[in-house]
Amino acid sequence: MKIGVSGASGHLGKAVVSELLQRADGHEVIAISRTPETVTAPTEGRFGDYDHPGSLAEAYADLDRLLIIPSLNAGKRGEQNVAAIDAAVSAGVKHMVFMSAAGARLAQGPVLGTPYWWGEQRLNRYGAGVDDPAYELLCRKFRAAGAGLAVTGRAGRTRREPCCFCRAR
């Protein structure tokens, strides 16, 4: 199985890639980043830039699973999230995991959760058909936010459970 991490050059992306390598169990880990030259073996680095959606479909090609970690660019994050999800579907990724945020919702004006809400809604657009990709939403908990939730499933079939990133330690 090929597992891709989009946004692999950031702090969270590097940590996820490192953890996946420790647990790989024979699976191949692909680090997708604007700077693939910084990726070290045994991970394969691929160029993918959220600001250049055309690069994403190529970067996501032949992946079985994909974690999409949104960029830090708050002004473009919503559009980038939608483009990344569409590119993953176009590339034929069968299972996506989208890193969202606790409290994601549609709102007027600048609200932290709105760009994540756009990504969640785009995922909900898929999942109605048998051949549509499966997906999961992982919600980050920000210090000012309340308890986060992970939502797993396809459209019409979801379950909520405590988020692994949000559990008290």
C-alpha atoms as a PDB file:
ATOM      1  CA  MET A   1       0.000   0.000   0.000  1.00  0.00           C
ATOM      2  CA  LYS A   2       1.210   3.522  -0.782  1.00  0.00           C
ATOM      3  CA  ILE A   3       0.410   6.083   1.911  1.00  0.00           C
ATOM      4  CA  GLY A   4       0.862   9.760   1.060  1.00  0.00           C
ATOM      5  CA  VAL A   5       1.214  12.723   3.408  1.00  0.00           C
ATOM      6  CA  SER A   6       0.395  16.044   1.751  1.00  0.00           C
ATOM      7  CA  GLY A   7       1.935  18.928   3.650  1.00  0.00           C
ATOM      8  CA  ALA A   8       4.844  16.724   4.724  1.00  0.00           C
ATOM      9  CA  SER A   9       7.387  19.518   5.156  1.00  0.00           C
ATOM     10  CA  GLY A  10       5.577  21.185   8.065  1.00  0.00           C
ATOM     11  CA  HIS A  11       5.931  20.279  11.739  1.00  0.00           C
ATOM     12  CA  LEU A  12       2.899  18.001  11.810  1.00  0.00           C
ATOM     13  CA  GLY A  13       3.684  16.488   8.413  1.00  0.00           C
ATOM     14  CA  LYS A  14       7.243  15.593   9.425  1.00  0.00           C
ATOM     15  CA  ALA A  15       5.980  14.010  12.634  1.00  0.00           C
ATOM     16  CA  VAL A  16       3.357  11.969  10.773  1.00  0.00           C
ATOM     17  CA  VAL A  17       5.878  10.753   8.186  1.00  0.00           C
ATOM     18  CA  SER A  18       8.281   9.759  10.964  1.00  0.00           C
ATOM     19  CA  GLU A  19       5.546   7.863  12.808  1.00  0.00           C
ATOM     20  CA  LEU A  20       4.381   6.134   9.630  1.00  0.00           C
ATOM     21  CA  LEU A  21       7.927   4.982   8.894  1.00  0.00           C
ATOM     22  CA  GLN A  22       8.109   3.398  12.333  1.00  0.00           C
ATOM     23  CA  ARG A  23       4.820   1.596  11.721  1.00  0.00           C
ATOM     24  CA  ALA A  24       5.094   1.033   7.974  1.00  0.00           C
ATOM     25  CA  ASP A  25       4.679  -2.766   8.087  1.00  0.00           C
ATOM     26  CA  GLY A  26       5.809  -2.996   4.473  1.00  0.00           C
ATOM     27  CA  HIS A  27       3.771  -0.030   3.259  1.00  0.00           C
ATOM     28  CA  GLU A  28       5.442   2.679   1.202  1.00  0.00           C
ATOM     29  CA  VAL A  29       5.339   6.232   2.619  1.00  0.00           C
ATOM     30  CA  ILE A  30       5.259   9.157   0.169  1.00  0.00           C
ATOM     31  CA  ALA A  31       6.019  12.682   1.450  1.00  0.00           C
ATOM     32  CA  ILE A  32       4.306  15.365  -0.657  1.00  0.00           C
ATOM     33  CA  SER A  33       5.746  18.839  -0.268  1.00  0.00           C
ATOM     34  CA  ARG A  34       6.778  22.011  -2.058  1.00  0.00           C
ATOM     35  CA  THR A  35      10.323  20.972  -1.106  1.00  0.00           C
ATOM     36  CA  PRO A  36      10.571  17.249  -1.913  1.00  0.00           C
ATOM     37  CA  GLU A  37      14.356  17.508  -2.105  1.00  0.00           C
ATOM     38  CA  THR A  38      14.429  17.782   1.702  1.00  0.00           C
ATOM     39  CA  VAL A  39      12.799  14.361   2.134  1.00  0.00           C
ATOM     40  CA  THR A  40      15.202  11.646   3.213  1.00  0.00           C
ATOM     41  CA  ALA A  41      15.225   7.934   2.445  1.00  0.00           C
ATOM     42  CA  PRO A  42      13.450   5.605   2.756  1.00  0.00           C
ATOM     43  CA  THR A  43      10.596   8.029   2.098  1.00  0.00           C
ATOM     44  CA  GLU A  44       9.891   9.057  -1.490  1.00  0.00           C
ATOM     45  CA  GLY A  45       9.476  12.802  -1.920  1.00  0.00           C
ATOM     46  CA  ARG A  46       7.056  14.219  -4.485  1.00  0.00           C
ATOM     47  CA  PHE A  47       6.432  17.811  -5.472  1.00  0.00           C
ATOM     48  CA  GLY A  48       2.959  19.049  -4.620  1.00  0.00           C
ATOM     49  CA  ASP A  49       1.995  22.669  -3.974  1.00  0.00           C
ATOM     50  CA  TYR A  50      -1.448  23.684  -2.737  1.00  0.00           C
ATOM     51  CA  ASP A  51      -1.063  26.959  -4.678  1.00  0.00           C
ATOM     52  CA  HIS A  52      -0.592  24.950  -7.904  1.00  0.00           C
ATOM     53  CA  PRO A  53      -3.454  22.425  -7.964  1.00  0.00           C
ATOM     54  CA  GLY A  54      -2.169  20.841 -11.169  1.00  0.00           C
ATOM     55  CA  SER A  55       0.859  19.577  -9.259  1.00  0.00           C
ATOM     56  CA  LEU A  56      -1.345  17.785  -6.732  1.00  0.00           C
ATOM     57  CA  ALA A  57      -3.016  15.278  -9.050  1.00  0.00           C
ATOM     58  CA  GLU A  58       0.422  14.151 -10.236  1.00  0.00           C
ATOM     59  CA  ALA A  59       1.739  13.990  -6.666  1.00  0.00           C
ATOM     60  CA  TYR A  60      -1.276  11.948  -5.533  1.00  0.00           C
ATOM     61  CA  ALA A  61      -1.089   9.490  -8.459  1.00  0.00           C
ATOM     62  CA  ASP A  62      -1.089   5.789  -7.481  1.00  0.00           C
ATOM     63  CA  LEU A  63      -1.642   6.468  -3.761  1.00  0.00           C
ATOM     64  CA  ASP A  64      -3.965   4.163  -1.856  1.00  0.00           C
ATOM     65  CA  ARG A  65      -4.340   6.461   1.157  1.00  0.00           C
ATOM     66  CA  LEU A  66      -3.666  10.140   1.637  1.00  0.00           C
ATOM     67  CA  LEU A  67      -3.467  12.467   4.628  1.00  0.00           C
ATOM     68  CA  ILE A  68      -4.172  16.087   3.642  1.00  0.00           C
ATOM     69  CA  ILE A  69      -2.684  18.562   6.122  1.00  0.00           C
ATOM     70  CA  PRO A  70      -3.883  22.085   5.195  1.00  0.00           C
ATOM     71  CA  SER A  71      -1.423  24.913   4.732  1.00  0.00           C
ATOM     72  CA  LEU A  72      -0.878  27.746   7.169  1.00  0.00           C
ATOM     73  CA  ASN A  73      -1.993  30.298   4.561  1.00  0.00           C
ATOM     74  CA  ALA A  74      -5.310  31.304   6.147  1.00  0.00           C
ATOM     75  CA  GLY A  75      -6.292  33.538   3.222  1.00  0.00           C
ATOM     76  CA  LYS A  76      -6.112  30.698   0.688  1.00  0.00           C
ATOM     77  CA  ARG A  77      -6.708  27.658   2.913  1.00  0.00           C
ATOM     78  CA  GLY A  78     -10.346  27.062   1.906  1.00  0.00           C
ATOM     79  CA  GLU A  79      -9.610  27.062  -1.824  1.00  0.00           C
ATOM     80  CA  GLN A  80      -6.502  24.949  -1.268  1.00  0.00           C
ATOM     81  CA  ASN A  81      -8.467  22.372   0.740  1.00  0.00           C
ATOM     82  CA  VAL A  82     -11.072  22.002  -1.998  1.00  0.00           C
ATOM     83  CA  ALA A  83      -8.391  21.771  -4.712  1.00  0.00           C
ATOM     84  CA  ALA A  84      -6.434  19.114  -2.782  1.00  0.00           C
ATOM     85  CA  ILE A  85      -9.547  16.978  -2.263  1.00  0.00           C
ATOM     86  CA  ASP A  86     -10.558  17.295  -5.925  1.00  0.00           C
ATOM     87  CA  ALA A  87      -7.020  16.366  -7.005  1.00  0.00           C
ATOM     88  CA  ALA A  88      -7.068  13.286  -4.765  1.00  0.00           C
ATOM     89  CA  VAL A  89     -10.378  12.160  -6.258  1.00  0.00           C
ATOM     90  CA  SER A  90      -9.061  12.796  -9.801  1.00  0.00           C
ATOM     91  CA  ALA A  91      -5.930  10.786  -8.991  1.00  0.00           C
ATOM     92  CA  GLY A  92      -8.032   7.849  -7.804  1.00  0.00           C
ATOM     93  CA  VAL A  93      -7.046   7.895  -4.121  1.00  0.00           C
ATOM     94  CA  LYS A  94      -9.344   5.375  -2.423  1.00  0.00           C
ATOM     95  CA  HIS A  95      -9.107   6.665   1.163  1.00  0.00           C
ATOM     96  CA  MET A  96      -8.495  10.252   2.267  1.00  0.00           C
ATOM     97  CA  VAL A  97      -7.888  11.631   5.730  1.00  0.00           C
ATOM     98  CA  PHE A  98      -8.428  15.392   5.990  1.00  0.00           C
ATOM     99  CA  MET A  99      -6.979  17.329   8.931  1.00  0.00           C
ATOM    100  CA  SER A 100      -9.758  19.717   9.895  1.00  0.00           C
ATOM    101  CA  ALA A 101     -10.293  21.844  12.990  1.00  0.00           C
ATOM    102  CA  ALA A 102     -12.647  21.669  15.933  1.00  0.00           C
ATOM    103  CA  GLY A 103     -15.550  24.046  15.394  1.00  0.00           C
ATOM    104  CA  ALA A 104     -15.346  24.115  11.597  1.00  0.00           C
ATOM    105  CA  ARG A 105     -18.439  25.904  10.310  1.00  0.00           C
ATOM    106  CA  LEU A 106     -19.656  28.277   7.660  1.00  0.00           C
ATOM    107  CA  ALA A 107     -19.584  31.828   8.931  1.00  0.00           C
ATOM    108  CA  GLN A 108     -19.515  35.371   7.620  1.00  0.00           C
ATOM    109  CA  GLY A 109     -16.222  37.159   7.977  1.00  0.00           C
ATOM    110  CA  PRO A 110     -12.881  35.752   9.069  1.00  0.00           C
ATOM    111  CA  VAL A 111     -13.518  32.713  11.254  1.00  0.00           C
ATOM    112  CA  LEU A 112     -10.788  30.133  11.910  1.00  0.00           C
ATOM    113  CA  GLY A 113     -12.986  27.145  11.080  1.00  0.00           C
ATOM    114  CA  THR A 114     -14.570  28.298   7.801  1.00  0.00           C
ATOM    115  CA  PRO A 115     -11.772  27.163   5.414  1.00  0.00           C
ATOM    116  CA  TYR A 116     -11.807  23.745   7.089  1.00  0.00           C
ATOM    117  CA  TRP A 117     -15.592  23.633   6.701  1.00  0.00           C
ATOM    118  CA  TRP A 118     -15.136  24.090   2.943  1.00  0.00           C
ATOM    119  CA  GLY A 119     -12.890  21.021   2.867  1.00  0.00           C
ATOM    120  CA  GLU A 120     -15.343  18.992   4.951  1.00  0.00           C
ATOM    121  CA  GLN A 121     -18.211  19.926   2.646  1.00  0.00           C
ATOM    122  CA  ARG A 122     -16.187  18.978  -0.417  1.00  0.00           C
ATOM    123  CA  LEU A 123     -15.531  15.541   1.107  1.00  0.00           C
ATOM    124  CA  ASN A 124     -19.236  15.173   1.850  1.00  0.00           C
ATOM    125  CA  ARG A 125     -19.886  15.753  -1.848  1.00  0.00           C
ATOM    126  CA  TYR A 126     -18.124  12.471  -2.505  1.00  0.00           C
ATOM    127  CA  GLY A 127     -19.104   9.210  -0.856  1.00  0.00           C
ATOM    128  CA  ALA A 128     -22.570   8.689  -2.298  1.00  0.00           C
ATOM    129  CA  GLY A 129     -21.472   6.124  -4.857  1.00  0.00           C
ATOM    130  CA  VAL A 130     -19.954   2.690  -4.370  1.00  0.00           C
ATOM    131  CA  ASP A 131     -16.714   3.678  -6.118  1.00  0.00           C
ATOM    132  CA  ASP A 132     -16.326   7.003  -4.305  1.00  0.00           C
ATOM    133  CA  PRO A 133     -13.388   7.312  -1.923  1.00  0.00           C
ATOM    134  CA  ALA A 134     -13.734   6.651   1.778  1.00  0.00           C
ATOM    135  CA  TYR A 135     -12.695   9.515   3.997  1.00  0.00           C
ATOM    136  CA  GLU A 136     -12.040  10.519   7.573  1.00  0.00           C
ATOM    137  CA  LEU A 137     -11.914  13.913   9.218  1.00  0.00           C
ATOM    138  CA  LEU A 138      -9.438  14.488  12.013  1.00  0.00           C
ATOM    139  CA  CYS A 139     -10.017  17.644  14.006  1.00  0.00           C
ATOM    140  CA  ARG A 140      -7.179  19.526  15.578  1.00  0.00           C
ATOM    141  CA  LYS A 141      -7.796  21.120  18.915  1.00  0.00           C
ATOM    142  CA  PHE A 142      -6.447  24.616  19.247  1.00  0.00           C
ATOM    143  CA  ARG A 143      -5.666  25.939  22.714  1.00  0.00           C
ATOM    144  CA  ALA A 144      -8.589  28.356  22.607  1.00  0.00           C
ATOM    145  CA  ALA A 145     -10.999  25.759  21.232  1.00  0.00           C
ATOM    146  CA  GLY A 146     -13.134  23.258  23.088  1.00  0.00           C
ATOM    147  CA  ALA A 147     -12.967  19.493  22.805  1.00  0.00           C
ATOM    148  CA  GLY A 148     -12.384  18.205  19.302  1.00  0.00           C
ATOM    149  CA  LEU A 149     -14.049  15.330  17.500  1.00  0.00           C
ATOM    150  CA  ALA A 150     -12.995  12.954  14.775  1.00  0.00           C
ATOM    151  CA  VAL A 151     -15.693  12.215  12.236  1.00  0.00           C
ATOM    152  CA  THR A 152     -15.253   9.056  10.224  1.00  0.00           C
ATOM    153  CA  GLY A 153     -17.251   7.786   7.312  1.00  0.00           C
ATOM    154  CA  ARG A 154     -18.944   8.432   4.041  1.00  0.00           C
ATOM    155  CA  ALA A 155     -21.876  10.700   3.328  1.00  0.00           C
ATOM    156  CA  GLY A 156     -24.860   9.454   5.299  1.00  0.00           C
ATOM    157  CA  ARG A 157     -22.755   7.062   7.341  1.00  0.00           C
ATOM    158  CA  THR A 158     -20.764   8.860   9.986  1.00  0.00           C
ATOM    159  CA  ARG A 159     -19.804   8.260  13.557  1.00  0.00           C
ATOM    160  CA  ARG A 160     -18.278  10.560  16.093  1.00  0.00           C
ATOM    161  CA  GLU A 161     -15.661   9.574  18.580  1.00  0.00           C
ATOM    162  CA  PRO A 162     -12.974  11.325  20.635  1.00  0.00           C
ATOM    163  CA  CYS A 163     -10.243  12.566  18.365  1.00  0.00           C
ATOM    164  CA  CYS A 164      -6.824  11.011  18.891  1.00  0.00           C
ATOM    165  CA  PHE A 165      -5.275  14.480  18.543  1.00  0.00           C
ATOM    166  CA  CYS A 166      -7.642  15.959  21.127  1.00  0.00           C
ATOM    167  CA  ARG A 167      -7.639  13.454  23.989  1.00  0.00           C
ATOM    168  CA  ALA A 168      -6.380  14.734  27.295  1.00  0.00           C
ATOM    169  CA  ARG A 169      -3.016  13.222  28.213  1.00  0.00           C
END
